[in-house]
Amino acid sequence: MPETLTVKPAPKRQVRNPRSGEHLDKAGETVPRTPYWLRRLKDGDVVKVKTTTRKKTTKRTATKEQ
């Protein structure tokens, strides 16, 4: 189980980060997986943000002329 969550406020909601006292960024933030954030998620105050994983890019191999 991951130790962090990436969440953003639910529509028409403002949620404060208890550590900083600032409102959670509308684009989303990574927060620790604590009872506070799990409760905010369960109550519908925040929603999970899908994190995108970067695909590995492969180098094209140059063709050799023979």
Protein backbone atom coordinates (compact mmCIF):
# COMPACT_ATOMS: atom_id res chain seq x y z
CA MET A 1 0.00 0.00 0.00
CA PRO A 2 1.50 3.36 -0.99
CA GLU A 3 2.43 5.80 1.75
CA THR A 4 1.04 8.79 -0.14
CA LEU A 5 -2.10 9.81 -2.02
CA THR A 6 -2.53 12.33 -4.80
CA VAL A 7 -5.78 14.19 -4.22
CA LYS A 8 -7.54 17.38 -5.25
CA PRO A 9 -10.58 19.12 -3.77
CA ALA A 10 -13.95 17.81 -4.91
CA PRO A 11 -15.97 20.25 -7.05
CA LYS A 12 -17.17 23.28 -5.07
CA ARG A 13 -15.08 22.29 -2.04
CA GLN A 14 -12.11 23.89 -0.31
CA VAL A 15 -9.97 21.73 1.90
CA ARG A 16 -7.11 22.91 4.08
CA ASN A 17 -3.94 20.97 4.49
CA PRO A 18 -3.62 20.59 8.28
CA ARG A 19 0.19 20.77 8.13
CA SER A 20 0.49 24.00 6.18
CA GLY A 21 -2.88 25.61 6.87
CA GLU A 22 -3.14 26.44 3.15
CA HIS A 23 -5.95 25.35 0.86
CA LEU A 24 -5.27 22.24 -1.18
CA ASP A 25 -4.18 23.06 -4.74
CA LYS A 26 -7.06 22.68 -7.22
CA ALA A 27 -4.78 20.74 -9.58
CA GLY A 28 -3.97 18.25 -6.84
CA GLU A 29 -1.25 17.53 -4.33
CA THR A 30 0.53 14.51 -2.98
CA VAL A 31 -0.32 14.08 0.69
CA PRO A 32 0.61 11.47 3.30
CA ARG A 33 -1.73 8.50 3.62
CA THR A 34 -3.08 9.39 7.08
CA PRO A 35 -6.48 8.91 8.72
CA TYR A 36 -7.21 12.61 8.05
CA TRP A 37 -6.83 12.31 4.27
CA LEU A 38 -8.54 8.91 4.11
CA ARG A 39 -11.49 10.45 5.97
CA ARG A 40 -11.58 13.44 3.59
CA LEU A 41 -11.61 10.96 0.70
CA LYS A 42 -14.39 8.86 2.26
CA ASP A 43 -16.50 11.95 3.05
CA GLY A 44 -16.17 13.20 -0.54
CA ASP A 45 -14.22 16.35 0.31
CA VAL A 46 -11.36 15.29 -1.95
CA VAL A 47 -11.04 13.01 -4.98
CA LYS A 48 -8.10 10.94 -6.14
CA VAL A 49 -6.04 12.25 -9.01
CA LYS A 50 -4.90 9.68 -11.50
CA THR A 51 -1.15 9.81 -11.69
CA THR A 52 0.36 9.27 -15.06
CA THR A 53 3.38 7.08 -15.35
CA ARG A 54 5.91 7.93 -17.96
CA LYS A 55 6.44 5.31 -20.58
CA LYS A 56 9.97 4.25 -21.25
CA THR A 57 11.17 5.47 -24.58
CA THR A 58 13.42 3.27 -26.58
CA LYS A 59 16.20 4.55 -28.76
CA ARG A 60 15.81 3.82 -32.41
CA THR A 61 18.60 1.75 -33.73
CA ALA A 62 20.35 3.16 -36.72
CA THR A 63 20.44 0.91 -39.72
CA LYS A 64 23.86 0.16 -41.07
CA GLU A 65 24.54 0.34 -44.76
CA GLN A 66 26.36 -2.67 -46.06
